[in-house]
Amino acid sequence: KVTFNDILKKHPEYEKALLDYRLSDGAIYTVKQISKLNQYIDLQKPWKQSGQNLIKTVTSASKKIVEIAYLVMPFIPNTASKIIKQYENTIKSEEPLFPRIK
């Protein structure tokens, strides 16, 4: 199981920002990680994959989603916990994290 300390070790720039009380820099770093994941998904096109390629892509993306959830923990702790619960071991279908805007 991944811990917040594990994530801090993988992201020293983020850790330093938090330790220096530069929360906006930590948030910017997190947004960059989200953008990288989005680029990975766009590049891999899992909607066009099947078999082992699809499993590999979804597994990698899921691990990164959990990592990002830990990064957003200081900003949106309840939502981060829900994401971790939903994606950490096996992907579970849950209620939407944010309500749809009509």
PDB file of N, CA and C in Angstrom:
ATOM      1  N   LYS A   1       0.846  -1.195   0.000  1.00  0.00           N
ATOM      2  CA  LYS A   1       0.000   0.000   0.000  1.00  0.00           C
ATOM      3  C   LYS A   1       0.883   1.247   0.000  1.00  0.00           C
ATOM      4  N   VAL A   2       0.510   2.199  -0.800  1.00  0.00           N
ATOM      5  CA  VAL A   2       1.241   3.460  -0.928  1.00  0.00           C
ATOM      6  C   VAL A   2       0.878   4.368   0.244  1.00  0.00           C
ATOM      7  N   THR A   3       1.846   5.125   0.709  1.00  0.00           N
ATOM      8  CA  THR A   3       1.598   6.099   1.775  1.00  0.00           C
ATOM      9  C   THR A   3       1.953   7.503   1.274  1.00  0.00           C
ATOM     10  N   PHE A   4       1.516   8.492   2.007  1.00  0.00           N
ATOM     11  CA  PHE A   4       1.839   9.873   1.660  1.00  0.00           C
ATOM     12  C   PHE A   4       3.351  10.089   1.662  1.00  0.00           C
ATOM     13  N   ASN A   5       4.063   9.475   2.614  1.00  0.00           N
ATOM     14  CA  ASN A   5       5.522   9.599   2.657  1.00  0.00           C
ATOM     15  C   ASN A   5       6.178   8.988   1.431  1.00  0.00           C
ATOM     16  N   ASP A   6       5.625   7.877   0.924  1.00  0.00           N
ATOM     17  CA  ASP A   6       6.139   7.284  -0.312  1.00  0.00           C
ATOM     18  C   ASP A   6       6.034   8.285  -1.463  1.00  0.00           C
ATOM     19  N   ILE A   7       4.912   8.968  -1.516  1.00  0.00           N
ATOM     20  CA  ILE A   7       4.683   9.943  -2.586  1.00  0.00           C
ATOM     21  C   ILE A   7       5.645  11.119  -2.441  1.00  0.00           C
ATOM     22  N   LEU A   8       5.848  11.578  -1.212  1.00  0.00           N
ATOM     23  CA  LEU A   8       6.779  12.691  -0.997  1.00  0.00           C
ATOM     24  C   LEU A   8       8.183  12.330  -1.468  1.00  0.00           C
ATOM     25  N   LYS A   9       8.609  11.108  -1.231  1.00  0.00           N
ATOM     26  CA  LYS A   9       9.940  10.667  -1.669  1.00  0.00           C
ATOM     27  C   LYS A   9      10.056  10.677  -3.192  1.00  0.00           C
ATOM     28  N   LYS A  10       8.970  10.361  -3.885  1.00  0.00           N
ATOM     29  CA  LYS A  10       8.975  10.354  -5.351  1.00  0.00           C
ATOM     30  C   LYS A  10       8.903  11.750  -5.952  1.00  0.00           C
ATOM     31  N   HIS A  11       8.453  12.711  -5.137  1.00  0.00           N
ATOM     32  CA  HIS A  11       8.231  14.075  -5.639  1.00  0.00           C
ATOM     33  C   HIS A  11       8.897  15.092  -4.712  1.00  0.00           C
ATOM     34  N   PRO A  12      10.231  15.148  -4.702  1.00  0.00           N
ATOM     35  CA  PRO A  12      10.938  16.046  -3.774  1.00  0.00           C
ATOM     36  C   PRO A  12      10.607  17.527  -3.986  1.00  0.00           C
ATOM     37  N   GLU A  13      10.348  17.920  -5.211  1.00  0.00           N
ATOM     38  CA  GLU A  13       9.996  19.325  -5.482  1.00  0.00           C
ATOM     39  C   GLU A  13       8.677  19.687  -4.781  1.00  0.00           C
ATOM     40  N   TYR A  14       7.728  18.784  -4.841  1.00  0.00           N
ATOM     41  CA  TYR A  14       6.441  18.964  -4.174  1.00  0.00           C
ATOM     42  C   TYR A  14       6.638  18.997  -2.653  1.00  0.00           C
ATOM     43  N   GLU A  15       7.421  18.048  -2.143  1.00  0.00           N
ATOM     44  CA  GLU A  15       7.678  17.981  -0.706  1.00  0.00           C
ATOM     45  C   GLU A  15       8.305  19.282  -0.204  1.00  0.00           C
ATOM     46  N   LYS A  16       9.290  19.775  -0.940  1.00  0.00           N
ATOM     47  CA  LYS A  16       9.967  21.015  -0.535  1.00  0.00           C
ATOM     48  C   LYS A  16       8.982  22.176  -0.521  1.00  0.00           C
ATOM     49  N   ALA A  17       8.127  22.237  -1.520  1.00  0.00           N
ATOM     50  CA  ALA A  17       7.134  23.313  -1.565  1.00  0.00           C
ATOM     51  C   ALA A  17       6.236  23.275  -0.328  1.00  0.00           C
ATOM     52  N   LEU A  18       5.782  22.086   0.054  1.00  0.00           N
ATOM     53  CA  LEU A  18       4.918  21.987   1.227  1.00  0.00           C
ATOM     54  C   LEU A  18       5.672  22.331   2.508  1.00  0.00           C
ATOM     55  N   LEU A  19       6.894  21.827   2.629  1.00  0.00           N
ATOM     56  CA  LEU A  19       7.680  22.105   3.835  1.00  0.00           C
ATOM     57  C   LEU A  19       7.997  23.590   3.989  1.00  0.00           C
ATOM     58  N   ASP A  20       8.100  24.280   2.848  1.00  0.00           N
ATOM     59  CA  ASP A  20       8.366  25.719   2.857  1.00  0.00           C
ATOM     60  C   ASP A  20       7.071  26.552   2.888  1.00  0.00           C
ATOM     61  N   TYR A  21       5.931  25.887   3.101  1.00  0.00           N
ATOM     62  CA  TYR A  21       4.624  26.550   3.150  1.00  0.00           C
ATOM     63  C   TYR A  21       4.283  27.276   1.852  1.00  0.00           C
ATOM     64  N   ARG A  22       4.792  26.760   0.743  1.00  0.00           N
ATOM     65  CA  ARG A  22       4.476  27.319  -0.581  1.00  0.00           C
ATOM     66  C   ARG A  22       3.395  26.436  -1.206  1.00  0.00           C
ATOM     67  N   LEU A  23       2.201  26.535  -0.643  1.00  0.00           N
ATOM     68  CA  LEU A  23       1.107  25.670  -1.082  1.00  0.00           C
ATOM     69  C   LEU A  23       0.733  25.899  -2.542  1.00  0.00           C
ATOM     70  N   SER A  24       0.820  27.132  -2.999  1.00  0.00           N
ATOM     71  CA  SER A  24       0.479  27.392  -4.406  1.00  0.00           C
ATOM     72  C   SER A  24       1.455  26.667  -5.327  1.00  0.00           C
ATOM     73  N   ASP A  25       2.740  26.599  -4.950  1.00  0.00           N
ATOM     74  CA  ASP A  25       3.717  25.860  -5.759  1.00  0.00           C
ATOM     75  C   ASP A  25       3.414  24.361  -5.739  1.00  0.00           C
ATOM     76  N   GLY A  26       2.967  23.864  -4.591  1.00  0.00           N
ATOM     77  CA  GLY A  26       2.567  22.457  -4.503  1.00  0.00           C
ATOM     78  C   GLY A  26       1.366  22.165  -5.388  1.00  0.00           C
ATOM     79  N   ALA A  27       0.422  23.093  -5.407  1.00  0.00           N
ATOM     80  CA  ALA A  27      -0.763  22.934  -6.259  1.00  0.00           C
ATOM     81  C   ALA A  27      -0.380  22.985  -7.734  1.00  0.00           C
ATOM     82  N   ILE A  28       0.509  23.901  -8.100  1.00  0.00           N
ATOM     83  CA  ILE A  28       0.959  24.007  -9.494  1.00  0.00           C
ATOM     84  C   ILE A  28       1.677  22.717  -9.903  1.00  0.00           C
ATOM     85  N   TYR A  29       2.514  22.193  -9.027  1.00  0.00           N
ATOM     86  CA  TYR A  29       3.213  20.937  -9.298  1.00  0.00           C
ATOM     87  C   TYR A  29       2.198  19.819  -9.542  1.00  0.00           C
ATOM     88  N   THR A  30       1.157  19.781  -8.724  1.00  0.00           N
ATOM     89  CA  THR A  30       0.135  18.747  -8.854  1.00  0.00           C
ATOM     90  C   THR A  30      -0.598  18.867 -10.186  1.00  0.00           C
ATOM     91  N   VAL A  31      -0.932  20.076 -10.576  1.00  0.00           N
ATOM     92  CA  VAL A  31      -1.609  20.292 -11.858  1.00  0.00           C
ATOM     93  C   VAL A  31      -0.713  19.812 -13.007  1.00  0.00           C
ATOM     94  N   LYS A  32       0.577  20.011 -12.895  1.00  0.00           N
ATOM     95  CA  LYS A  32       1.504  19.524 -13.927  1.00  0.00           C
ATOM     96  C   LYS A  32       1.487  17.996 -14.000  1.00  0.00           C
ATOM     97  N   GLN A  33       1.383  17.345 -12.844  1.00  0.00           N
ATOM     98  CA  GLN A  33       1.309  15.880 -12.821  1.00  0.00           C
ATOM     99  C   GLN A  33       0.011  15.393 -13.473  1.00  0.00           C
ATOM    100  N   ILE A  34      -1.066  16.109 -13.221  1.00  0.00           N
ATOM    101  CA  ILE A  34      -2.352  15.775 -13.852  1.00  0.00           C
ATOM    102  C   ILE A  34      -2.247  15.929 -15.365  1.00  0.00           C
ATOM    103  N   SER A  35      -1.601  17.006 -15.801  1.00  0.00           N
ATOM    104  CA  SER A  35      -1.411  17.241 -17.238  1.00  0.00           C
ATOM    105  C   SER A  35      -0.579  16.132 -17.879  1.00  0.00           C
ATOM    106  N   LYS A  36       0.470  15.690 -17.186  1.00  0.00           N
ATOM    107  CA  LYS A  36       1.299  14.590 -17.710  1.00  0.00           C
ATOM    108  C   LYS A  36       0.479  13.311 -17.856  1.00  0.00           C
ATOM    109  N   LEU A  37      -0.371  13.035 -16.866  1.00  0.00           N
ATOM    110  CA  LEU A  37      -1.218  11.848 -16.952  1.00  0.00           C
ATOM    111  C   LEU A  37      -2.190  11.985 -18.120  1.00  0.00           C
ATOM    112  N   ASN A  38      -2.763  13.148 -18.283  1.00  0.00           N
ATOM    113  CA  ASN A  38      -3.679  13.385 -19.399  1.00  0.00           C
ATOM    114  C   ASN A  38      -2.973  13.157 -20.735  1.00  0.00           C
ATOM    115  N   GLN A  39      -1.739  13.645 -20.864  1.00  0.00           N
ATOM    116  CA  GLN A  39      -0.962  13.439 -22.088  1.00  0.00           C
ATOM    117  C   GLN A  39      -0.698  11.953 -22.324  1.00  0.00           C
ATOM    118  N   TYR A  40      -0.360  11.227 -21.257  1.00  0.00           N
ATOM    119  CA  TYR A  40      -0.122   9.785 -21.355  1.00  0.00           C
ATOM    120  C   TYR A  40      -1.366   9.070 -21.874  1.00  0.00           C
ATOM    121  N   ILE A  41      -2.526   9.410 -21.309  1.00  0.00           N
ATOM    122  CA  ILE A  41      -3.776   8.777 -21.734  1.00  0.00           C
ATOM    123  C   ILE A  41      -4.086   9.125 -23.187  1.00  0.00           C
ATOM    124  N   ASP A  42      -3.900  10.390 -23.568  1.00  0.00           N
ATOM    125  CA  ASP A  42      -4.127  10.802 -24.956  1.00  0.00           C
ATOM    126  C   ASP A  42      -3.199  10.058 -25.910  1.00  0.00           C
ATOM    127  N   LEU A  43      -1.961   9.859 -25.499  1.00  0.00           N
ATOM    128  CA  LEU A  43      -0.979   9.164 -26.339  1.00  0.00           C
ATOM    129  C   LEU A  43      -1.286   7.668 -26.451  1.00  0.00           C
ATOM    130  N   GLN A  44      -1.647   7.050 -25.337  1.00  0.00           N
ATOM    131  CA  GLN A  44      -1.892   5.607 -25.313  1.00  0.00           C
ATOM    132  C   GLN A  44      -3.229   5.214 -25.952  1.00  0.00           C
ATOM    133  N   LYS A  45      -4.202   6.107 -25.920  1.00  0.00           N
ATOM    134  CA  LYS A  45      -5.533   5.859 -26.461  1.00  0.00           C
ATOM    135  C   LYS A  45      -6.105   4.514 -25.979  1.00  0.00           C
ATOM    136  N   PRO A  46      -6.334   4.388 -24.661  1.00  0.00           N
ATOM    137  CA  PRO A  46      -6.824   3.104 -24.145  1.00  0.00           C
ATOM    138  C   PRO A  46      -8.164   2.679 -24.741  1.00  0.00           C
ATOM    139  N   TRP A  47      -8.958   3.618 -25.211  1.00  0.00           N
ATOM    140  CA  TRP A  47     -10.240   3.301 -25.829  1.00  0.00           C
ATOM    141  C   TRP A  47     -10.061   2.538 -27.140  1.00  0.00           C
ATOM    142  N   LYS A  48      -8.845   2.534 -27.690  1.00  0.00           N
ATOM    143  CA  LYS A  48      -8.553   1.781 -28.908  1.00  0.00           C
ATOM    144  C   LYS A  48      -7.762   0.504 -28.621  1.00  0.00           C
ATOM    145  N   GLN A  49      -7.433   0.253 -27.368  1.00  0.00           N
ATOM    146  CA  GLN A  49      -6.609  -0.888 -26.990  1.00  0.00           C
ATOM    147  C   GLN A  49      -7.464  -2.059 -26.522  1.00  0.00           C
ATOM    148  N   SER A  50      -6.799  -3.208 -26.457  1.00  0.00           N
ATOM    149  CA  SER A  50      -7.427  -4.396 -25.888  1.00  0.00           C
ATOM    150  C   SER A  50      -6.330  -5.291 -25.314  1.00  0.00           C
ATOM    151  N   GLY A  51      -6.745  -6.321 -24.603  1.00  0.00           N
ATOM    152  CA  GLY A  51      -5.803  -7.305 -24.078  1.00  0.00           C
ATOM    153  C   GLY A  51      -4.782  -6.721 -23.119  1.00  0.00           C
ATOM    154  N   GLN A  52      -3.550  -7.222 -23.225  1.00  0.00           N
ATOM    155  CA  GLN A  52      -2.476  -6.822 -22.306  1.00  0.00           C
ATOM    156  C   GLN A  52      -2.107  -5.345 -22.428  1.00  0.00           C
ATOM    157  N   ASN A  53      -2.191  -4.798 -23.632  1.00  0.00           N
ATOM    158  CA  ASN A  53      -1.893  -3.372 -23.796  1.00  0.00           C
ATOM    159  C   ASN A  53      -2.870  -2.517 -22.998  1.00  0.00           C
ATOM    160  N   LEU A  54      -4.145  -2.874 -23.049  1.00  0.00           N
ATOM    161  CA  LEU A  54      -5.159  -2.135 -22.295  1.00  0.00           C
ATOM    162  C   LEU A  54      -4.928  -2.291 -20.802  1.00  0.00           C
ATOM    163  N   ILE A  55      -4.645  -3.496 -20.359  1.00  0.00           N
ATOM    164  CA  ILE A  55      -4.393  -3.745 -18.932  1.00  0.00           C
ATOM    165  C   ILE A  55      -3.198  -2.921 -18.457  1.00  0.00           C
ATOM    166  N   LYS A  56      -2.131  -2.904 -19.250  1.00  0.00           N
ATOM    167  CA  LYS A  56      -0.934  -2.145 -18.882  1.00  0.00           C
ATOM    168  C   LYS A  56      -1.234  -0.645 -18.787  1.00  0.00           C
ATOM    169  N   THR A  57      -1.941  -0.117 -19.761  1.00  0.00           N
ATOM    170  CA  THR A  57      -2.264   1.311 -19.773  1.00  0.00           C
ATOM    171  C   THR A  57      -3.165   1.685 -18.599  1.00  0.00           C
ATOM    172  N   VAL A  58      -4.217   0.905 -18.366  1.00  0.00           N
ATOM    173  CA  VAL A  58      -5.151   1.218 -17.278  1.00  0.00           C
ATOM    174  C   VAL A  58      -4.468   1.062 -15.925  1.00  0.00           C
ATOM    175  N   THR A  59      -3.618   0.049 -15.784  1.00  0.00           N
ATOM    176  CA  THR A  59      -2.890  -0.138 -14.523  1.00  0.00           C
ATOM    177  C   THR A  59      -1.963   1.036 -14.256  1.00  0.00           C
ATOM    178  N   SER A  60      -1.211   1.453 -15.271  1.00  0.00           N
ATOM    179  CA  SER A  60      -0.311   2.602 -15.115  1.00  0.00           C
ATOM    180  C   SER A  60      -1.083   3.870 -14.774  1.00  0.00           C
ATOM    181  N   ALA A  61      -2.173   4.103 -15.487  1.00  0.00           N
ATOM    182  CA  ALA A  61      -2.981   5.305 -15.236  1.00  0.00           C
ATOM    183  C   ALA A  61      -3.588   5.263 -13.837  1.00  0.00           C
ATOM    184  N   SER A  62      -4.046   4.103 -13.415  1.00  0.00           N
ATOM    185  CA  SER A  62      -4.650   3.972 -12.083  1.00  0.00           C
ATOM    186  C   SER A  62      -3.638   4.261 -10.984  1.00  0.00           C
ATOM    187  N   LYS A  63      -2.421   3.756 -11.151  1.00  0.00           N
ATOM    188  CA  LYS A  63      -1.366   4.028 -10.161  1.00  0.00           C
ATOM    189  C   LYS A  63      -1.073   5.517 -10.094  1.00  0.00           C
ATOM    190  N   LYS A  64      -1.046   6.156 -11.252  1.00  0.00           N
ATOM    191  CA  LYS A  64      -0.777   7.592 -11.287  1.00  0.00           C
ATOM    192  C   LYS A  64      -1.940   8.383 -10.684  1.00  0.00           C
ATOM    193  N   ILE A  65      -3.169   7.916 -10.892  1.00  0.00           N
ATOM    194  CA  ILE A  65      -4.333   8.576 -10.290  1.00  0.00           C
ATOM    195  C   ILE A  65      -4.230   8.531  -8.771  1.00  0.00           C
ATOM    196  N   VAL A  66      -3.828   7.389  -8.229  1.00  0.00           N
ATOM    197  CA  VAL A  66      -3.664   7.265  -6.775  1.00  0.00           C
ATOM    198  C   VAL A  66      -2.561   8.211  -6.297  1.00  0.00           C
ATOM    199  N   GLU A  67      -1.464   8.259  -7.046  1.00  0.00           N
ATOM    200  CA  GLU A  67      -0.356   9.157  -6.696  1.00  0.00           C
ATOM    201  C   GLU A  67      -0.837  10.607  -6.668  1.00  0.00           C
ATOM    202  N   ILE A  68      -1.581  10.994  -7.676  1.00  0.00           N
ATOM    203  CA  ILE A  68      -2.106  12.360  -7.747  1.00  0.00           C
ATOM    204  C   ILE A  68      -3.095  12.611  -6.610  1.00  0.00           C
ATOM    205  N   ALA A  69      -3.870  11.607  -6.258  1.00  0.00           N
ATOM    206  CA  ALA A  69      -4.805  11.761  -5.135  1.00  0.00           C
ATOM    207  C   ALA A  69      -4.054  12.109  -3.853  1.00  0.00           C
ATOM    208  N   TYR A  70      -2.903  11.462  -3.651  1.00  0.00           N
ATOM    209  CA  TYR A  70      -2.096  11.806  -2.478  1.00  0.00           C
ATOM    210  C   TYR A  70      -1.558  13.234  -2.586  1.00  0.00           C
ATOM    211  N   LEU A  71      -1.216  13.669  -3.799  1.00  0.00           N
ATOM    212  CA  LEU A  71      -0.709  15.029  -3.978  1.00  0.00           C
ATOM    213  C   LEU A  71      -1.786  16.080  -3.683  1.00  0.00           C
ATOM    214  N   VAL A  72      -3.038  15.761  -3.972  1.00  0.00           N
ATOM    215  CA  VAL A  72      -4.110  16.737  -3.707  1.00  0.00           C
ATOM    216  C   VAL A  72      -4.649  16.637  -2.279  1.00  0.00           C
ATOM    217  N   MET A  73      -4.178  15.658  -1.521  1.00  0.00           N
ATOM    218  CA  MET A  73      -4.655  15.438  -0.152  1.00  0.00           C
ATOM    219  C   MET A  73      -4.633  16.710   0.712  1.00  0.00           C
ATOM    220  N   PRO A  74      -3.571  17.537   0.670  1.00  0.00           N
ATOM    221  CA  PRO A  74      -3.577  18.749   1.505  1.00  0.00           C
ATOM    222  C   PRO A  74      -4.630  19.781   1.082  1.00  0.00           C
ATOM    223  N   PHE A  75      -5.125  19.672  -0.148  1.00  0.00           N
ATOM    224  CA  PHE A  75      -6.035  20.674  -0.687  1.00  0.00           C
ATOM    225  C   PHE A  75      -7.498  20.229  -0.631  1.00  0.00           C
ATOM    226  N   ILE A  76      -7.748  18.969  -0.963  1.00  0.00           N
ATOM    227  CA  ILE A  76      -9.114  18.422  -0.941  1.00  0.00           C
ATOM    228  C   ILE A  76      -9.063  17.015  -0.314  1.00  0.00           C
ATOM    229  N   PRO A  77      -8.886  16.968   1.001  1.00  0.00           N
ATOM    230  CA  PRO A  77      -8.652  15.682   1.667  1.00  0.00           C
ATOM    231  C   PRO A  77      -9.776  14.659   1.519  1.00  0.00           C
ATOM    232  N   ASN A  78     -11.023  15.084   1.617  1.00  0.00           N
ATOM    233  CA  ASN A  78     -12.127  14.127   1.508  1.00  0.00           C
ATOM    234  C   ASN A  78     -12.196  13.510   0.117  1.00  0.00           C
ATOM    235  N   THR A  79     -12.067  14.340  -0.903  1.00  0.00           N
ATOM    236  CA  THR A  79     -12.102  13.849  -2.273  1.00  0.00           C
ATOM    237  C   THR A  79     -10.894  12.968  -2.555  1.00  0.00           C
ATOM    238  N   ALA A  80      -9.731  13.367  -2.073  1.00  0.00           N
ATOM    239  CA  ALA A  80      -8.525  12.560  -2.269  1.00  0.00           C
ATOM    240  C   ALA A  80      -8.705  11.172  -1.655  1.00  0.00           C
ATOM    241  N   SER A  81      -9.275  11.108  -0.465  1.00  0.00           N
ATOM    242  CA  SER A  81      -9.511   9.820   0.194  1.00  0.00           C
ATOM    243  C   SER A  81     -10.457   8.946  -0.618  1.00  0.00           C
ATOM    244  N   LYS A  82     -11.475   9.557  -1.190  1.00  0.00           N
ATOM    245  CA  LYS A  82     -12.421   8.800  -2.027  1.00  0.00           C
ATOM    246  C   LYS A  82     -11.732   8.250  -3.271  1.00  0.00           C
ATOM    247  N   ILE A  83     -10.874   9.058  -3.877  1.00  0.00           N
ATOM    248  CA  ILE A  83     -10.145   8.612  -5.076  1.00  0.00           C
ATOM    249  C   ILE A  83      -9.240   7.439  -4.713  1.00  0.00           C
ATOM    250  N   ILE A  84      -8.517   7.559  -3.630  1.00  0.00           N
ATOM    251  CA  ILE A  84      -7.613   6.489  -3.207  1.00  0.00           C
ATOM    252  C   ILE A  84      -8.404   5.208  -2.951  1.00  0.00           C
ATOM    253  N   LYS A  85      -9.516   5.335  -2.245  1.00  0.00           N
ATOM    254  CA  LYS A  85     -10.355   4.174  -1.956  1.00  0.00           C
ATOM    255  C   LYS A  85     -10.860   3.526  -3.247  1.00  0.00           C
ATOM    256  N   GLN A  86     -11.202   4.337  -4.222  1.00  0.00           N
ATOM    257  CA  GLN A  86     -11.776   3.838  -5.467  1.00  0.00           C
ATOM    258  C   GLN A  86     -10.734   3.193  -6.384  1.00  0.00           C
ATOM    259  N   TYR A  87      -9.482   3.655  -6.342  1.00  0.00           N
ATOM    260  CA  TYR A  87      -8.481   3.217  -7.314  1.00  0.00           C
ATOM    261  C   TYR A  87      -7.310   2.428  -6.747  1.00  0.00           C
ATOM    262  N   GLU A  88      -7.141   2.378  -5.441  1.00  0.00           N
ATOM    263  CA  GLU A  88      -5.883   1.854  -4.901  1.00  0.00           C
ATOM    264  C   GLU A  88      -5.610   0.388  -5.217  1.00  0.00           C
ATOM    265  N   ASN A  89      -6.497  -0.516  -4.934  1.00  0.00           N
ATOM    266  CA  ASN A  89      -6.220  -1.937  -5.167  1.00  0.00           C
ATOM    267  C   ASN A  89      -6.897  -2.435  -6.436  1.00  0.00           C
ATOM    268  N   THR A  90      -8.186  -2.283  -6.499  1.00  0.00           N
ATOM    269  CA  THR A  90      -8.929  -2.591  -7.717  1.00  0.00           C
ATOM    270  C   THR A  90      -9.847  -1.411  -7.976  1.00  0.00           C
ATOM    271  N   ILE A  91     -10.102  -1.150  -9.225  1.00  0.00           N
ATOM    272  CA  ILE A  91     -10.961  -0.017  -9.571  1.00  0.00           C
ATOM    273  C   ILE A  91     -12.396  -0.402  -9.253  1.00  0.00           C
ATOM    274  N   LYS A  92     -13.048   0.461  -8.469  1.00  0.00           N
ATOM    275  CA  LYS A  92     -14.431   0.218  -8.065  1.00  0.00           C
ATOM    276  C   LYS A  92     -15.318   1.329  -8.608  1.00  0.00           C
ATOM    277  N   SER A  93     -16.491   0.947  -9.029  1.00  0.00           N
ATOM    278  CA  SER A  93     -17.477   1.934  -9.455  1.00  0.00           C
ATOM    279  C   SER A  93     -18.076   2.579  -8.216  1.00  0.00           C
ATOM    280  N   GLU A  94     -18.030   3.871  -8.137  1.00  0.00           N
ATOM    281  CA  GLU A  94     -18.533   4.611  -6.984  1.00  0.00           C
ATOM    282  C   GLU A  94     -19.385   5.776  -7.479  1.00  0.00           C
ATOM    283  N   GLU A  95     -19.977   6.468  -6.532  1.00  0.00           N
ATOM    284  CA  GLU A  95     -20.721   7.683  -6.838  1.00  0.00           C
ATOM    285  C   GLU A  95     -19.756   8.708  -7.453  1.00  0.00           C
ATOM    286  N   PRO A  96     -20.224   9.566  -8.347  1.00  0.00           N
ATOM    287  CA  PRO A  96     -19.347  10.608  -8.898  1.00  0.00           C
ATOM    288  C   PRO A  96     -18.760  11.474  -7.783  1.00  0.00           C
ATOM    289  N   LEU A  97     -17.510  11.867  -7.951  1.00  0.00           N
ATOM    290  CA  LEU A  97     -16.848  12.702  -6.937  1.00  0.00           C
ATOM    291  C   LEU A  97     -17.399  14.115  -6.923  1.00  0.00           C
ATOM    292  N   PHE A  98     -17.780  14.605  -8.078  1.00  0.00           N
ATOM    293  CA  PHE A  98     -18.299  15.970  -8.192  1.00  0.00           C
ATOM    294  C   PHE A  98     -19.625  15.912  -8.943  1.00  0.00           C
ATOM    295  N   PRO A  99     -20.634  16.645  -8.478  1.00  0.00           N
ATOM    296  CA  PRO A  99     -21.928  16.612  -9.159  1.00  0.00           C
ATOM    297  C   PRO A  99     -21.833  17.242 -10.550  1.00  0.00           C
ATOM    298  N   ARG A 100     -22.623  16.716 -11.444  1.00  0.00           N
ATOM    299  CA  ARG A 100     -22.685  17.256 -12.803  1.00  0.00           C
ATOM    300  C   ARG A 100     -23.371  18.614 -12.779  1.00  0.00           C
ATOM    301  N   ILE A 101     -22.809  19.576 -13.470  1.00  0.00           N
ATOM    302  CA  ILE A 101     -23.393  20.914 -13.559  1.00  0.00           C
ATOM    303  C   ILE A 101     -24.335  20.925 -14.756  1.00  0.00           C
ATOM    304  N   LYS A 102     -25.555  21.355 -14.507  1.00  0.00           N
ATOM    305  CA  LYS A 102     -26.556  21.382 -15.601  1.00  0.00           C
ATOM    306  C   LYS A 102     -26.742  22.768 -16.129  1.00  0.00           C
TER     307      LYS A 102
END
